[in-house]
C-alpha atoms as a PDB file:
ATOM      1  CA  MET A   1       0.000   0.000   0.000  1.00  0.00           C
ATOM      2  CA  ASN A   2       2.955   2.325   0.485  1.00  0.00           C
ATOM      3  CA  PRO A   3       5.562   1.603  -2.206  1.00  0.00           C
ATOM      4  CA  ALA A   4       7.515   4.720  -1.211  1.00  0.00           C
ATOM      5  CA  ARG A   5       8.483   2.982   2.036  1.00  0.00           C
ATOM      6  CA  ILE A   6      11.875   1.398   1.349  1.00  0.00           C
ATOM      7  CA  TYR A   7      13.446  -0.607   4.157  1.00  0.00           C
ATOM      8  CA  SER A   8      16.709  -1.594   2.477  1.00  0.00           C
ATOM      9  CA  ARG A   9      18.484  -1.916  -0.861  1.00  0.00           C
ATOM     10  CA  HIS A  10      20.442  -4.928  -2.098  1.00  0.00           C
ATOM     11  CA  ARG A  11      22.651  -5.913  -5.013  1.00  0.00           C
ATOM     12  CA  THR A  12      21.202  -9.372  -5.675  1.00  0.00           C
ATOM     13  CA  GLU A  13      17.900 -11.222  -5.401  1.00  0.00           C
ATOM     14  CA  SER A  14      19.318 -13.588  -2.775  1.00  0.00           C
ATOM     15  CA  ASP A  15      20.503 -10.644  -0.667  1.00  0.00           C
ATOM     16  CA  ALA A  16      17.077  -9.051  -1.049  1.00  0.00           C
ATOM     17  CA  ARG A  17      15.310 -12.203   0.156  1.00  0.00           C
ATOM     18  CA  ARG A  18      17.619 -12.367   3.152  1.00  0.00           C
ATOM     19  CA  GLY A  19      17.040  -8.671   3.795  1.00  0.00           C
ATOM     20  CA  ARG A  20      13.275  -9.151   3.691  1.00  0.00           C
ATOM     21  CA  GLY A  21      13.586 -11.777   6.432  1.00  0.00           C
ATOM     22  CA  GLU A  22      15.678  -9.422   8.538  1.00  0.00           C
ATOM     23  CA  VAL A  23      13.154  -6.618   8.092  1.00  0.00           C
ATOM     24  CA  ARG A  24      10.307  -8.914   9.134  1.00  0.00           C
ATOM     25  CA  ILE A  25      12.197  -9.856  12.301  1.00  0.00           C
ATOM     26  CA  ALA A  26      12.825  -6.177  13.082  1.00  0.00           C
ATOM     27  CA  LEU A  27       9.173  -5.238  12.491  1.00  0.00           C
ATOM     28  CA  SER A  28       8.030  -8.067  14.741  1.00  0.00           C
ATOM     29  CA  ALA A  29      10.432  -6.936  17.468  1.00  0.00           C
ATOM     30  CA  LEU A  30       9.072  -3.382  17.262  1.00  0.00           C
ATOM     31  CA  SER A  31       5.510  -4.693  17.461  1.00  0.00           C
ATOM     32  CA  ARG A  32       6.303  -6.200  20.865  1.00  0.00           C
ATOM     33  CA  ALA A  33       7.183  -2.905  22.552  1.00  0.00           C
ATOM     34  CA  PRO A  34       6.758  -3.703  26.282  1.00  0.00           C
ATOM     35  CA  SER A  35       5.190  -0.370  27.196  1.00  0.00           C
ATOM     36  CA  GLY A  36       2.601  -0.550  24.421  1.00  0.00           C
ATOM     37  CA  LYS A  37       4.432   2.290  22.700  1.00  0.00           C
ATOM     38  CA  VAL A  38       7.545   2.324  20.516  1.00  0.00           C
ATOM     39  CA  SER A  39       9.817   4.827  22.187  1.00  0.00           C
ATOM     40  CA  VAL A  40      12.857   6.205  20.413  1.00  0.00           C
ATOM     41  CA  SER A  41      14.666   6.645  23.746  1.00  0.00           C
ATOM     42  CA  ARG A  42      14.438   2.897  24.451  1.00  0.00           C
ATOM     43  CA  LEU A  43      15.005   1.763  20.898  1.00  0.00           C
ATOM     44  CA  ASP A  44      17.601  -0.877  20.063  1.00  0.00           C
ATOM     45  CA  PRO A  45      20.021   0.839  17.619  1.00  0.00           C
ATOM     46  CA  LYS A  46      19.721  -2.166  15.290  1.00  0.00           C
ATOM     47  CA  LEU A  47      16.004  -1.454  14.886  1.00  0.00           C
ATOM     48  CA  ARG A  48      16.389   2.260  14.174  1.00  0.00           C
ATOM     49  CA  PRO A  49      16.580   2.000  10.324  1.00  0.00           C
ATOM     50  CA  VAL A  50      13.255   0.132  10.181  1.00  0.00           C
ATOM     51  CA  PHE A  51      11.720   2.486  12.778  1.00  0.00           C
ATOM     52  CA  GLU A  52      12.722   5.491  10.672  1.00  0.00           C
ATOM     53  CA  ALA A  53      11.519   3.825   7.445  1.00  0.00           C
ATOM     54  CA  MET A  54       8.123   3.464   9.158  1.00  0.00           C
ATOM     55  CA  ASP A  55       8.082   7.240   9.819  1.00  0.00           C
ATOM     56  CA  ALA A  56       8.771   6.707  13.544  1.00  0.00           C
ATOM     57  CA  ILE A  57       5.247   5.444  14.251  1.00  0.00           C
ATOM     58  CA  GLU A  58       4.762   4.829  17.978  1.00  0.00           C
ATOM     59  CA  ASP A  59       1.835   2.376  17.754  1.00  0.00           C
ATOM     60  CA  PRO A  60       3.205  -1.213  17.893  1.00  0.00           C
ATOM     61  CA  ARG A  61       0.201  -2.468  15.915  1.00  0.00           C
ATOM     62  CA  ALA A  62       1.502  -0.689  12.823  1.00  0.00           C
ATOM     63  CA  TYR A  63       4.649  -2.834  12.933  1.00  0.00           C
ATOM     64  CA  ALA A  64       2.686  -6.052  13.379  1.00  0.00           C
ATOM     65  CA  PHE A  65       0.570  -5.071  10.379  1.00  0.00           C
ATOM     66  CA  ALA A  66       3.634  -4.231   8.255  1.00  0.00           C
ATOM     67  CA  ALA A  67       5.356  -7.516   9.184  1.00  0.00           C
ATOM     68  CA  GLU A  68       2.721  -9.606   7.390  1.00  0.00           C
ATOM     69  CA  ASP A  69       4.296 -11.541   4.538  1.00  0.00           C
ATOM     70  CA  ARG A  70       2.112 -10.078   1.775  1.00  0.00           C
ATOM     71  CA  ARG A  71       3.064  -6.532   2.813  1.00  0.00           C
ATOM     72  CA  LEU A  72       6.823  -6.967   2.373  1.00  0.00           C
ATOM     73  CA  ARG A  73       7.719  -6.827  -1.295  1.00  0.00           C
ATOM     74  CA  ILE A  74      10.924  -7.124  -3.305  1.00  0.00           C
ATOM     75  CA  GLN A  75      11.144  -4.897  -6.380  1.00  0.00           C
ATOM     76  CA  SER A  76      13.825  -5.800  -8.903  1.00  0.00           C
ATOM     77  CA  GLY A  77      15.621  -3.149 -10.903  1.00  0.00           C
ATOM     78  CA  ARG A  78      14.902  -2.826 -14.616  1.00  0.00           C
ATOM     79  CA  LYS A  79      17.915  -0.903 -15.847  1.00  0.00           C
ATOM     80  CA  ASP A  80      18.900  -3.482 -18.479  1.00  0.00           C
ATOM     81  CA  ARG A  81      15.360  -3.721 -19.868  1.00  0.00           C
ATOM     82  CA  VAL A  82      15.010   0.059 -20.098  1.00  0.00           C
ATOM     83  CA  GLU A  83      18.411   0.361 -21.766  1.00  0.00           C
ATOM     84  CA  ALA A  84      17.374  -2.222 -24.358  1.00  0.00           C
ATOM     85  CA  ALA A  85      14.070  -0.407 -24.861  1.00  0.00           C
ATOM     86  CA  PHE A  86      15.876   2.787 -25.882  1.00  0.00           C
ATOM     87  CA  GLY A  87      17.552   0.887 -28.687  1.00  0.00           C
ATOM     88  CA  GLU A  88      14.338  -0.813 -29.816  1.00  0.00           C
ATOM     89  CA  SER A  89      12.358   2.446 -29.809  1.00  0.00           C
ATOM     90  CA  ARG A  90      14.827   4.603 -31.738  1.00  0.00           C
ATOM     91  CA  PRO A  91      13.498   3.802 -35.249  1.00  0.00           C
ATOM     92  CA  TYR A  92       9.883   4.489 -34.240  1.00  0.00           C
ATOM     93  CA  LEU A  93       9.593   7.274 -31.679  1.00  0.00           C
ATOM     94  CA  LYS A  94       9.704  10.209 -34.117  1.00  0.00           C
ATOM     95  CA  ARG A  95       6.794   8.872 -36.171  1.00  0.00           C
ATOM     96  CA  MET A  96       4.932   7.823 -33.028  1.00  0.00           C
ATOM     97  CA  ARG A  97       5.097  11.371 -31.705  1.00  0.00           C
ATOM     98  CA  GLU A  98       3.736  12.657 -34.997  1.00  0.00           C
ATOM     99  CA  MET A  99       0.813  10.219 -34.779  1.00  0.00           C
ATOM    100  CA  PHE A 100      -0.042  11.330 -31.260  1.00  0.00           C
ATOM    101  CA  ARG A 101      -0.024  14.972 -32.327  1.00  0.00           C
ATOM    102  CA  GLU A 102      -2.267  14.093 -35.279  1.00  0.00           C
ATOM    103  CA  GLU A 103      -4.706  12.399 -32.901  1.00  0.00           C
ATOM    104  CA  GLY A 104      -4.670  15.271 -30.402  1.00  0.00           C
ATOM    105  CA  VAL A 105      -2.915  13.275 -27.685  1.00  0.00           C
ATOM    106  CA  PRO A 106       0.078  14.594 -25.674  1.00  0.00           C
ATOM    107  CA  GLU A 107       3.154  13.195 -27.374  1.00  0.00           C
ATOM    108  CA  GLU A 108       4.777  12.358 -24.019  1.00  0.00           C
ATOM    109  CA  LEU A 109       2.364   9.442 -23.779  1.00  0.00           C
ATOM    110  CA  VAL A 110       4.298   7.595 -26.504  1.00  0.00           C
ATOM    111  CA  LEU A 111       6.563   6.501 -23.644  1.00  0.00           C
ATOM    112  CA  LEU A 112       3.884   4.193 -22.240  1.00  0.00           C
ATOM    113  CA  PRO A 113       5.309   1.166 -24.142  1.00  0.00           C
ATOM    114  CA  PHE A 114       8.457   1.488 -22.027  1.00  0.00           C
ATOM    115  CA  VAL A 115       6.261   0.677 -19.017  1.00  0.00           C
ATOM    116  CA  GLU A 116       3.952  -1.772 -20.778  1.00  0.00           C
ATOM    117  CA  SER A 117       6.476  -3.977 -22.565  1.00  0.00           C
ATOM    118  CA  ALA A 118       9.956  -2.407 -22.466  1.00  0.00           C
ATOM    119  CA  PHE A 119       9.246  -1.780 -26.172  1.00  0.00           C
ATOM    120  CA  ASN A 120       9.412  -5.491 -26.946  1.00  0.00           C
ATOM    121  CA  GLN A 121       7.551  -5.981 -30.237  1.00  0.00           C
ATOM    122  CA  GLU A 122       7.060  -9.680 -29.495  1.00  0.00           C
ATOM    123  CA  ALA A 123       5.862  -9.186 -25.925  1.00  0.00           C
ATOM    124  CA  LYS A 124       3.012 -11.492 -24.890  1.00  0.00           C
ATOM    125  CA  SER A 125       1.334 -11.530 -21.513  1.00  0.00           C
ATOM    126  CA  LYS A 126      -0.301 -14.511 -19.840  1.00  0.00           C
ATOM    127  CA  ALA A 127      -3.647 -12.746 -20.256  1.00  0.00           C
ATOM    128  CA  GLY A 128      -3.223 -12.503 -24.036  1.00  0.00           C
ATOM    129  CA  ALA A 129      -2.004  -8.916 -24.447  1.00  0.00           C
ATOM    130  CA  VAL A 130       0.635  -8.543 -27.154  1.00  0.00           C
ATOM    131  CA  GLY A 131       2.920  -6.023 -28.808  1.00  0.00           C
ATOM    132  CA  ILE A 132       4.597  -2.905 -27.465  1.00  0.00           C
ATOM    133  CA  TRP A 133       1.238  -1.460 -26.396  1.00  0.00           C
ATOM    134  CA  GLN A 134       0.044  -4.751 -24.876  1.00  0.00           C
ATOM    135  CA  PHE A 135      -3.377  -4.694 -26.526  1.00  0.00           C
ATOM    136  CA  MET A 136      -5.907  -7.341 -25.568  1.00  0.00           C
ATOM    137  CA  PRO A 137      -7.818  -8.750 -28.607  1.00  0.00           C
ATOM    138  CA  GLN A 138     -11.147  -7.191 -27.650  1.00  0.00           C
ATOM    139  CA  THR A 139      -9.624  -3.753 -27.014  1.00  0.00           C
ATOM    140  CA  ALA A 140      -7.622  -3.835 -30.240  1.00  0.00           C
ATOM    141  CA  ALA A 141     -10.515  -4.979 -32.444  1.00  0.00           C
ATOM    142  CA  ARG A 142     -11.954  -1.457 -32.687  1.00  0.00           C
ATOM    143  CA  ASP A 143      -8.928  -0.050 -34.539  1.00  0.00           C
ATOM    144  CA  LEU A 144      -6.732  -2.976 -35.543  1.00  0.00           C
ATOM    145  CA  ARG A 145      -6.922  -6.149 -37.544  1.00  0.00           C
ATOM    146  CA  VAL A 146      -6.464  -9.090 -35.206  1.00  0.00           C
ATOM    147  CA  GLY A 147      -6.355 -12.543 -36.755  1.00  0.00           C
ATOM    148  CA  HIS A 148      -4.338 -15.705 -37.092  1.00  0.00           C
ATOM    149  CA  SER A 149      -2.323 -14.635 -40.127  1.00  0.00           C
ATOM    150  CA  ILE A 150      -2.392 -10.855 -39.621  1.00  0.00           C
ATOM    151  CA  ASP A 151      -2.279  -9.313 -36.166  1.00  0.00           C
ATOM    152  CA  GLU A 152      -1.627  -5.576 -36.291  1.00  0.00           C
ATOM    153  CA  ARG A 153      -1.000  -5.451 -32.564  1.00  0.00           C
ATOM    154  CA  PHE A 154       2.544  -6.551 -33.414  1.00  0.00           C
ATOM    155  CA  ASP A 155       3.077  -3.545 -35.712  1.00  0.00           C
ATOM    156  CA  PRO A 156       4.568  -0.715 -33.592  1.00  0.00           C
ATOM    157  CA  LEU A 157       3.163   2.034 -35.823  1.00  0.00           C
ATOM    158  CA  LYS A 158      -0.314   0.643 -36.484  1.00  0.00           C
ATOM    159  CA  SER A 159      -0.749  -0.189 -32.798  1.00  0.00           C
ATOM    160  CA  THR A 160       0.485   3.300 -31.862  1.00  0.00           C
ATOM    161  CA  ARG A 161      -2.319   4.877 -33.874  1.00  0.00           C
ATOM    162  CA  ALA A 162      -4.806   2.616 -32.078  1.00  0.00           C
ATOM    163  CA  ALA A 163      -3.258   3.431 -28.688  1.00  0.00           C
ATOM    164  CA  ALA A 164      -3.535   7.172 -29.352  1.00  0.00           C
ATOM    165  CA  ARG A 165      -7.231   6.793 -30.162  1.00  0.00           C
ATOM    166  CA  PHE A 166      -7.811   4.626 -27.085  1.00  0.00           C
ATOM    167  CA  LEU A 167      -6.104   7.197 -24.861  1.00  0.00           C
ATOM    168  CA  ARG A 168      -8.110  10.000 -26.474  1.00  0.00           C
ATOM    169  CA  ARG A 169     -11.357   8.135 -25.755  1.00  0.00           C
ATOM    170  CA  ASN A 170     -10.231   7.641 -22.160  1.00  0.00           C
ATOM    171  CA  HIS A 171      -9.594  11.379 -21.875  1.00  0.00           C
ATOM    172  CA  GLN A 172     -12.995  12.225 -23.318  1.00  0.00           C
ATOM    173  CA  LEU A 173     -14.622   9.933 -20.768  1.00  0.00           C
ATOM    174  CA  LEU A 174     -12.561  10.933 -17.723  1.00  0.00           C
ATOM    175  CA  GLY A 175     -11.485  14.516 -18.484  1.00  0.00           C
ATOM    176  CA  SER A 176      -7.869  14.065 -17.388  1.00  0.00           C
ATOM    177  CA  TRP A 177      -4.776  12.739 -19.125  1.00  0.00           C
ATOM    178  CA  ALA A 178      -3.469  11.349 -15.821  1.00  0.00           C
ATOM    179  CA  LEU A 179      -6.690   9.373 -15.402  1.00  0.00           C
ATOM    180  CA  ALA A 180      -6.530   8.370 -19.069  1.00  0.00           C
ATOM    181  CA  VAL A 181      -3.097   6.839 -18.412  1.00  0.00           C
ATOM    182  CA  MET A 182      -4.395   4.977 -15.342  1.00  0.00           C
ATOM    183  CA  ALA A 183      -7.328   3.745 -17.425  1.00  0.00           C
ATOM    184  CA  TYR A 184      -4.963   2.450 -20.110  1.00  0.00           C
ATOM    185  CA  HIS A 185      -3.711  -0.079 -17.594  1.00  0.00           C
ATOM    186  CA  HIS A 186      -6.868  -1.001 -15.726  1.00  0.00           C
ATOM    187  CA  GLY A 187      -9.703   0.084 -17.979  1.00  0.00           C
ATOM    188  CA  PRO A 188     -11.797   3.262 -17.956  1.00  0.00           C
ATOM    189  CA  SER A 189     -14.736   1.656 -16.127  1.00  0.00           C
ATOM    190  CA  LEU A 190     -12.767   1.060 -12.939  1.00  0.00           C
ATOM    191  CA  VAL A 191     -11.218   4.535 -12.965  1.00  0.00           C
ATOM    192  CA  LYS A 192     -14.645   6.071 -13.566  1.00  0.00           C
ATOM    193  CA  LYS A 193     -15.969   4.061 -10.622  1.00  0.00           C
ATOM    194  CA  ALA A 194     -13.128   5.350  -8.429  1.00  0.00           C
ATOM    195  CA  VAL A 195     -13.911   8.954  -9.378  1.00  0.00           C
ATOM    196  CA  LYS A 196     -17.584   8.453  -8.593  1.00  0.00           C
ATOM    197  CA  THR A 197     -16.966   6.563  -5.338  1.00  0.00           C
ATOM    198  CA  LEU A 198     -14.480   9.081  -3.924  1.00  0.00           C
ATOM    199  CA  GLY A 199     -15.987  12.206  -5.465  1.00  0.00           C
ATOM    200  CA  THR A 200     -12.607  13.346  -6.776  1.00  0.00           C
ATOM    201  CA  ASP A 201     -10.643  13.197 -10.012  1.00  0.00           C
ATOM    202  CA  ASP A 202      -7.325  13.712  -8.196  1.00  0.00           C
ATOM    203  CA  PRO A 203      -5.227  10.716  -9.307  1.00  0.00           C
ATOM    204  CA  VAL A 204      -3.024  10.807  -6.200  1.00  0.00           C
ATOM    205  CA  LYS A 205      -6.045  10.625  -3.891  1.00  0.00           C
ATOM    206  CA  ILE A 206      -7.503   7.790  -5.961  1.00  0.00           C
ATOM    207  CA  ILE A 207      -4.225   5.868  -5.804  1.00  0.00           C
ATOM    208  CA  ARG A 208      -3.955   6.340  -2.046  1.00  0.00           C
ATOM    209  CA  ILE A 209      -7.566   5.879  -0.975  1.00  0.00           C
ATOM    210  CA  PHE A 210      -9.517   3.820  -3.516  1.00  0.00           C
ATOM    211  CA  LYS A 211     -10.237   0.275  -2.351  1.00  0.00           C
ATOM    212  CA  GLU A 212     -11.095  -2.423  -4.854  1.00  0.00           C
ATOM    213  CA  PRO A 213      -9.929  -6.080  -4.930  1.00  0.00           C
ATOM    214  CA  SER A 214      -8.620  -5.729  -8.482  1.00  0.00           C
ATOM    215  CA  PHE A 215      -6.929  -2.368  -7.831  1.00  0.00           C
ATOM    216  CA  LYS A 216      -3.642  -3.838  -6.630  1.00  0.00           C
ATOM    217  CA  PHE A 217       0.042  -2.939  -6.563  1.00  0.00           C
ATOM    218  CA  ALA A 218       0.559  -2.723 -10.332  1.00  0.00           C
ATOM    219  CA  SER A 219      -2.523  -0.546 -10.810  1.00  0.00           C
ATOM    220  CA  ARG A 220      -1.559   1.821  -7.995  1.00  0.00           C
ATOM    221  CA  ASN A 221       1.946   2.274  -9.344  1.00  0.00           C
ATOM    222  CA  TYR A 222       1.245   2.485 -13.060  1.00  0.00           C
ATOM    223  CA  LEU A 223       0.946   6.281 -13.312  1.00  0.00           C
ATOM    224  CA  PHE A 224       4.067   6.800 -11.207  1.00  0.00           C
ATOM    225  CA  GLU A 225       6.015   4.287 -13.295  1.00  0.00           C
ATOM    226  CA  PHE A 226       5.065   6.266 -16.384  1.00  0.00           C
ATOM    227  CA  LEU A 227       6.100   9.594 -14.820  1.00  0.00           C
ATOM    228  CA  ALA A 228       9.413   8.063 -13.739  1.00  0.00           C
ATOM    229  CA  MET A 229       9.955   6.860 -17.309  1.00  0.00           C
ATOM    230  CA  CYS A 230       9.364  10.425 -18.557  1.00  0.00           C
ATOM    231  CA  ASP A 231      12.153  11.635 -16.246  1.00  0.00           C
ATOM    232  CA  VAL A 232      14.499   8.863 -17.370  1.00  0.00           C
ATOM    233  CA  HIS A 233      13.811   9.593 -21.041  1.00  0.00           C
ATOM    234  CA  GLU A 234      14.370  13.328 -20.610  1.00  0.00           C
ATOM    235  CA  GLU A 235      17.717  12.666 -18.946  1.00  0.00           C
ATOM    236  CA  ARG A 236      18.638  10.177 -21.663  1.00  0.00           C
ATOM    237  CA  GLN A 237      17.832  12.720 -24.367  1.00  0.00           C
ATOM    238  CA  ARG A 238      20.197  15.214 -22.746  1.00  0.00           C
ATOM    239  CA  GLN A 239      22.938  12.594 -22.717  1.00  0.00           C
ATOM    240  CA  ASP A 240      22.278  11.698 -26.351  1.00  0.00           C
ATOM    241  CA  GLU A 241      22.349  15.348 -27.353  1.00  0.00           C
ATOM    242  CA  ASP A 242      25.738  15.736 -25.716  1.00  0.00           C
ATOM    243  CA  GLY A 243      26.917  12.705 -27.647  1.00  0.00           C
ATOM    244  CA  LEU A 244      30.103  10.810 -26.990  1.00  0.00           C
ATOM    245  CA  PRO A 245      33.444  12.619 -27.184  1.00  0.00           C
ATOM    246  CA  PRO A 246      35.819  11.632 -29.988  1.00  0.00           C
ATOM    247  CA  TYR A 247      37.668   8.516 -28.896  1.00  0.00           C
ATOM    248  CA  LEU A 248      40.198   5.910 -29.937  1.00  0.00           C
ATOM    249  CA  SER A 249      39.611   2.191 -29.574  1.00  0.00           C
ATOM    250  CA  LEU A 250      42.924   0.779 -28.433  1.00  0.00           C
ATOM    251  CA  ALA A 251      44.196  -2.611 -27.292  1.00  0.00           C
ATOM    252  CA  PHE A 252      47.235  -3.389 -25.190  1.00  0.00           C
ATOM    253  CA  PRO A 253      49.561  -6.395 -25.545  1.00  0.00           C
ATOM    254  CA  LYS A 254      49.258  -7.446 -21.892  1.00  0.00           C
ATOM    255  CA  ASN A 255      46.742  -7.496 -19.066  1.00  0.00           C
ATOM    256  CA  LEU A 256      46.439  -4.054 -17.450  1.00  0.00           C
ATOM    257  CA  LYS A 257      44.539  -2.372 -14.643  1.00  0.00           C
ATOM    258  CA  ILE A 258      42.605   0.730 -15.598  1.00  0.00           C
ATOM    259  CA  GLY A 259      44.473   2.824 -13.044  1.00  0.00           C
ATOM    260  CA  ARG A 260      47.766   2.307 -14.897  1.00  0.00           C
ATOM    261  CA  ILE A 261      46.208   3.359 -18.194  1.00  0.00           C
ATOM    262  CA  VAL A 262      44.636   6.466 -16.636  1.00  0.00           C
ATOM    263  CA  ALA A 263      47.867   7.495 -14.936  1.00  0.00           C
ATOM    264  CA  HIS A 264      50.149   6.752 -17.894  1.00  0.00           C
ATOM    265  CA  TYR A 265      48.141   8.743 -20.441  1.00  0.00           C
ATOM    266  CA  ARG A 266      46.770  11.294 -17.926  1.00  0.00           C
ATOM    267  CA  LEU A 267      43.165  10.521 -18.792  1.00  0.00           C
ATOM    268  CA  ASP A 268      39.880  11.457 -17.159  1.00  0.00           C
ATOM    269  CA  GLN A 269      38.449   8.333 -15.534  1.00  0.00           C
ATOM    270  CA  GLU A 270      34.844   9.582 -15.577  1.00  0.00           C
ATOM    271  CA  THR A 271      35.060  10.027 -19.349  1.00  0.00           C
ATOM    272  CA  LEU A 272      36.461   6.525 -19.645  1.00  0.00           C
ATOM    273  CA  LYS A 273      33.543   5.200 -17.603  1.00  0.00           C
ATOM    274  CA  ARG A 274      31.119   6.827 -19.974  1.00  0.00           C
ATOM    275  CA  LEU A 275      32.916   5.382 -22.991  1.00  0.00           C
ATOM    276  CA  ASN A 276      33.269   1.896 -21.495  1.00  0.00           C
ATOM    277  CA  PRO A 277      30.029   1.165 -19.646  1.00  0.00           C
ATOM    278  CA  HIS A 278      30.602  -2.561 -20.113  1.00  0.00           C
ATOM    279  CA  PHE A 279      33.510  -2.414 -17.662  1.00  0.00           C
ATOM    280  CA  ARG A 280      32.088  -3.168 -14.226  1.00  0.00           C
ATOM    281  CA  ASP A 281      33.106  -2.206 -10.685  1.00  0.00           C
ATOM    282  CA  PRO A 282      36.031  -4.652 -10.304  1.00  0.00           C
ATOM    283  CA  ILE A 283      37.823  -2.913 -13.176  1.00  0.00           C
ATOM    284  CA  TRP A 284      37.087   0.616 -11.974  1.00  0.00           C
ATOM    285  CA  LYS A 285      38.191  -0.336  -8.467  1.00  0.00           C
ATOM    286  CA  ASN A 286      41.415  -1.793  -9.906  1.00  0.00           C
ATOM    287  CA  GLU A 287      40.533  -5.228  -8.549  1.00  0.00           C
ATOM    288  CA  ALA A 288      40.495  -6.836 -11.995  1.00  0.00           C
ATOM    289  CA  GLU A 289      42.650  -6.409 -15.091  1.00  0.00           C
ATOM    290  CA  ILE A 290      41.569  -5.632 -18.627  1.00  0.00           C
ATOM    291  CA  PRO A 291      42.563  -8.677 -20.710  1.00  0.00           C
ATOM    292  CA  ALA A 292      45.376  -8.365 -23.219  1.00  0.00           C
ATOM    293  CA  HIS A 293      44.265  -7.299 -26.712  1.00  0.00           C
ATOM    294  CA  TYR A 294      40.808  -6.284 -25.424  1.00  0.00           C
ATOM    295  CA  PRO A 295      39.804  -2.891 -26.947  1.00  0.00           C
ATOM    296  CA  VAL A 296      39.471   0.080 -24.606  1.00  0.00           C
ATOM    297  CA  ARG A 297      37.811   3.311 -25.711  1.00  0.00           C
ATOM    298  CA  ILE A 298      40.023   6.268 -24.795  1.00  0.00           C
ATOM    299  CA  ALA A 299      39.361  10.019 -25.126  1.00  0.00           C
ATOM    300  CA  GLY A 300      41.604  12.969 -24.449  1.00  0.00           C
ATOM    301  CA  ILE A 301      44.579  11.786 -26.480  1.00  0.00           C
ATOM    302  CA  THR A 302      45.271  11.750 -30.208  1.00  0.00           C
ATOM    303  CA  LEU A 303      46.587   8.768 -32.140  1.00  0.00           C
ATOM    304  CA  GLU A 304      49.859  10.633 -32.757  1.00  0.00           C
ATOM    305  CA  GLU A 305      50.280  11.305 -29.037  1.00  0.00           C
ATOM    306  CA  PHE A 306      49.491   7.674 -28.231  1.00  0.00           C
ATOM    307  CA  ARG A 307      52.126   6.440 -30.691  1.00  0.00           C
ATOM    308  CA  LYS A 308      54.800   8.653 -29.118  1.00  0.00           C
ATOM    309  CA  LEU A 309      54.254   7.106 -25.700  1.00  0.00           C
ATOM    310  CA  GLN A 310      55.296   3.620 -24.685  1.00  0.00           C
ATOM    311  CA  TYR A 311      52.728   1.145 -23.389  1.00  0.00           C
ATOM    312  CA  PRO A 312      52.118   1.406 -19.623  1.00  0.00           C
END
């Protein structure tokens, strides 16, 4: 119910599972406060991080409630999927934006496929949704041809036109683009019901307050996932606009640590990191060597200057 509450961060799934167990133990310990009140003055220092993550609530019942298994969730990172999605989307995004403008839909909404499918054209859900826009057959049938031999849901451009029209219909029904985005995920009927039940069209209030068995974690987070993707894309565009600096791709005849290369050629390590994102922490921490004859992208030195210097 409160995905903003983060107890701990971990590098691997196994560490995260272990961490979840530790958090549950800490929450249970806090729920057994002997005085019937969680007091910061009597708090075990080991429990303080969980106490602070829970906004320093004094009622022990809150910790018992939070310790229930279904309320402790592990969320995996999606950096690799998003990075791949940028590559997949590059040939299509310009035309997709044009289509959205033609249909009178804010062009920022073309980023929804990053949330829906990570821009995987072959994406198929267990429920039967397919393509980058994850159209169900009945939803797609209004604007797309869906059949055994031709299924336009798999066409990024044809399905984008259909998605723009679906979002526009959602907006006409609900009067808000934020609600139209929420309705893309869970259907306009449920969002309309939430507006009527709560007497508000404020998406944040709906997300926080609306109670419905089918309105679960994914539905509550969908709008925020989309907004986060907008931020990521804006930052990525700035990086792309800057472009990569001119560089040389060089190989060395023996195994070398990155620190020796940086020092020998007086290079900027942050620039090297940007040019060589495939090198991981052990290399940048000088714990591992770059294999002999493996190409390294280097900026800040010309080929003539490199040839004048001996190998490190």
